[in-house]
C-alpha cells in the first residue's frame, strides 16, 4: 500500500468528505475550463431548441 493510500484510509469521515468535495470542485472547474466552448455551444443549442419548440406550439 502506498503512503498516499494509507493517508486516505486514516482520514476521519469529516476530513474525507471535505477532501472529496474539494476534489469535485477542482475537477468541475478544470472540466469547465477545458470544455468552455463546447459547453457554451451545447447551451446555445438547448435554448435555441426551446425557443423553436415554443414558437411551434404557439402556431
N, C-alpha and C. Protein backbone atom coordinates (compact mmCIF):
# COMPACT_ATOMS: atom_id res chain seq x y z
N UNK A 1 0.85 -1.19 0.00
CA UNK A 1 0.00 0.00 0.00
C UNK A 1 0.90 1.25 0.00
N UNK A 2 0.55 2.19 -0.81
CA UNK A 2 1.37 3.41 -0.89
C UNK A 2 1.08 4.33 0.29
N UNK A 3 1.95 5.28 0.47
CA UNK A 3 1.82 6.25 1.55
C UNK A 3 0.53 7.07 1.38
N UNK A 4 0.22 7.40 0.16
CA UNK A 4 -0.99 8.18 -0.12
C UNK A 4 -2.25 7.39 0.24
N UNK A 5 -2.27 6.10 -0.11
CA UNK A 5 -3.42 5.25 0.23
C UNK A 5 -3.60 5.16 1.74
N UNK A 6 -2.50 5.06 2.46
CA UNK A 6 -2.57 4.99 3.92
C UNK A 6 -3.14 6.28 4.49
N UNK A 7 -2.70 7.42 3.96
CA UNK A 7 -3.21 8.71 4.42
C UNK A 7 -4.72 8.81 4.21
N UNK A 8 -5.18 8.37 3.05
CA UNK A 8 -6.61 8.44 2.75
C UNK A 8 -7.40 7.53 3.68
N UNK A 9 -6.89 6.34 3.92
CA UNK A 9 -7.59 5.40 4.79
C UNK A 9 -7.64 5.88 6.24
N UNK A 10 -6.69 6.71 6.64
CA UNK A 10 -6.63 7.18 8.02
C UNK A 10 -7.39 8.48 8.25
N UNK A 11 -8.01 9.01 7.22
CA UNK A 11 -8.79 10.24 7.37
C UNK A 11 -10.08 9.98 8.14
N UNK A 12 -10.50 10.99 8.90
CA UNK A 12 -11.81 10.87 9.55
C UNK A 12 -12.89 11.06 8.49
N UNK A 13 -14.11 10.71 8.83
CA UNK A 13 -15.21 10.86 7.88
C UNK A 13 -15.37 12.31 7.42
N UNK A 14 -15.23 13.24 8.36
CA UNK A 14 -15.38 14.66 8.04
C UNK A 14 -14.27 15.12 7.09
N UNK A 15 -13.03 14.73 7.38
CA UNK A 15 -11.91 15.10 6.52
C UNK A 15 -12.06 14.50 5.12
N UNK A 16 -12.53 13.28 5.07
CA UNK A 16 -12.74 12.61 3.79
C UNK A 16 -13.78 13.35 2.97
N UNK A 17 -14.89 13.76 3.60
CA UNK A 17 -15.93 14.50 2.89
C UNK A 17 -15.41 15.82 2.37
N UNK A 18 -14.63 16.53 3.21
CA UNK A 18 -14.09 17.83 2.80
C UNK A 18 -13.15 17.68 1.61
N UNK A 19 -12.25 16.70 1.67
CA UNK A 19 -11.32 16.49 0.56
C UNK A 19 -12.04 16.04 -0.70
N UNK A 20 -13.05 15.21 -0.56
CA UNK A 20 -13.81 14.75 -1.72
C UNK A 20 -14.53 15.92 -2.38
N UNK A 21 -15.12 16.80 -1.58
CA UNK A 21 -15.81 17.96 -2.13
C UNK A 21 -14.84 18.89 -2.84
N UNK A 22 -13.66 19.10 -2.24
CA UNK A 22 -12.64 19.95 -2.87
C UNK A 22 -12.21 19.34 -4.20
N UNK A 23 -12.03 18.03 -4.22
CA UNK A 23 -11.64 17.35 -5.45
C UNK A 23 -12.70 17.50 -6.53
N UNK A 24 -13.95 17.39 -6.15
CA UNK A 24 -15.04 17.56 -7.12
C UNK A 24 -15.06 18.97 -7.68
N UNK A 25 -14.86 19.96 -6.79
CA UNK A 25 -14.84 21.36 -7.25
C UNK A 25 -13.70 21.59 -8.23
N UNK A 26 -12.52 21.08 -7.90
CA UNK A 26 -11.36 21.25 -8.78
C UNK A 26 -11.60 20.57 -10.12
N UNK A 27 -12.14 19.35 -10.09
CA UNK A 27 -12.39 18.62 -11.34
C UNK A 27 -13.41 19.38 -12.18
N UNK A 28 -14.47 19.85 -11.55
CA UNK A 28 -15.51 20.58 -12.28
C UNK A 28 -14.95 21.86 -12.87
N UNK A 29 -14.12 22.57 -12.12
CA UNK A 29 -13.52 23.81 -12.60
C UNK A 29 -12.64 23.54 -13.82
N UNK A 30 -11.80 22.51 -13.73
CA UNK A 30 -10.93 22.15 -14.85
C UNK A 30 -11.75 21.70 -16.06
N UNK A 31 -12.80 20.92 -15.80
CA UNK A 31 -13.66 20.43 -16.89
C UNK A 31 -14.30 21.60 -17.62
N UNK A 32 -14.83 22.55 -16.84
CA UNK A 32 -15.48 23.71 -17.46
C UNK A 32 -14.47 24.55 -18.23
N UNK A 33 -13.28 24.69 -17.68
CA UNK A 33 -12.26 25.49 -18.35
C UNK A 33 -11.87 24.85 -19.68
N UNK A 34 -11.68 23.54 -19.68
CA UNK A 34 -11.26 22.84 -20.90
C UNK A 34 -12.37 22.80 -21.93
N UNK A 35 -13.58 22.68 -21.48
CA UNK A 35 -14.70 22.47 -22.40
C UNK A 35 -15.63 23.67 -22.48
N UNK A 36 -15.11 24.85 -22.18
CA UNK A 36 -15.95 26.04 -22.11
C UNK A 36 -16.71 26.29 -23.42
N UNK A 37 -15.99 26.23 -24.54
CA UNK A 37 -16.64 26.49 -25.82
C UNK A 37 -17.68 25.42 -26.16
N UNK A 38 -17.33 24.17 -25.89
CA UNK A 38 -18.25 23.07 -26.17
C UNK A 38 -19.51 23.21 -25.32
N UNK A 39 -19.33 23.52 -24.05
CA UNK A 39 -20.47 23.68 -23.14
C UNK A 39 -21.33 24.87 -23.58
N UNK A 40 -20.67 25.96 -23.98
CA UNK A 40 -21.43 27.14 -24.42
C UNK A 40 -22.25 26.80 -25.66
N UNK A 41 -21.67 26.07 -26.59
CA UNK A 41 -22.40 25.68 -27.81
C UNK A 41 -23.58 24.78 -27.47
N UNK A 42 -23.37 23.82 -26.56
CA UNK A 42 -24.47 22.94 -26.18
C UNK A 42 -25.59 23.73 -25.51
N UNK A 43 -25.23 24.71 -24.69
CA UNK A 43 -26.24 25.55 -24.04
C UNK A 43 -26.99 26.36 -25.10
N UNK A 44 -26.25 26.92 -26.07
CA UNK A 44 -26.89 27.67 -27.15
C UNK A 44 -27.88 26.79 -27.92
N UNK A 45 -27.47 25.56 -28.23
CA UNK A 45 -28.35 24.64 -28.95
C UNK A 45 -29.59 24.32 -28.13
N UNK A 46 -29.40 24.11 -26.84
CA UNK A 46 -30.52 23.78 -25.96
C UNK A 46 -31.56 24.91 -25.97
N UNK A 47 -31.09 26.14 -25.79
CA UNK A 47 -32.03 27.26 -25.72
C UNK A 47 -32.63 27.58 -27.08
N UNK A 48 -31.89 27.36 -28.14
CA UNK A 48 -32.46 27.56 -29.47
C UNK A 48 -33.59 26.56 -29.72
N UNK A 49 -33.35 25.30 -29.33
CA UNK A 49 -34.41 24.28 -29.48
C UNK A 49 -35.63 24.64 -28.65
N UNK A 50 -35.40 25.14 -27.45
CA UNK A 50 -36.50 25.50 -26.57
C UNK A 50 -37.36 26.61 -27.19
N UNK A 51 -36.70 27.62 -27.74
CA UNK A 51 -37.44 28.73 -28.37
C UNK A 51 -38.20 28.23 -29.58
N UNK A 52 -37.55 27.39 -30.40
CA UNK A 52 -38.23 26.86 -31.59
C UNK A 52 -39.44 26.02 -31.22
N UNK A 53 -39.32 25.22 -30.18
CA UNK A 53 -40.46 24.39 -29.78
C UNK A 53 -41.61 25.24 -29.26
N UNK A 54 -41.29 26.32 -28.55
CA UNK A 54 -42.34 27.21 -28.05
C UNK A 54 -43.03 27.95 -29.20
N UNK A 55 -42.26 28.35 -30.20
CA UNK A 55 -42.88 29.05 -31.33
C UNK A 55 -43.73 28.09 -32.16
N UNK A 56 -43.31 26.83 -32.25
CA UNK A 56 -44.10 25.82 -32.97
C UNK A 56 -45.41 25.55 -32.23
N UNK A 57 -45.35 25.51 -30.89
CA UNK A 57 -46.55 25.24 -30.10
C UNK A 57 -47.54 26.39 -30.19
N UNK A 58 -47.04 27.62 -30.31
CA UNK A 58 -47.94 28.78 -30.32
C UNK A 58 -48.63 28.98 -31.68
N UNK A 59 -48.19 28.25 -32.70
CA UNK A 59 -48.83 28.39 -34.02
C UNK A 59 -50.15 27.66 -34.08
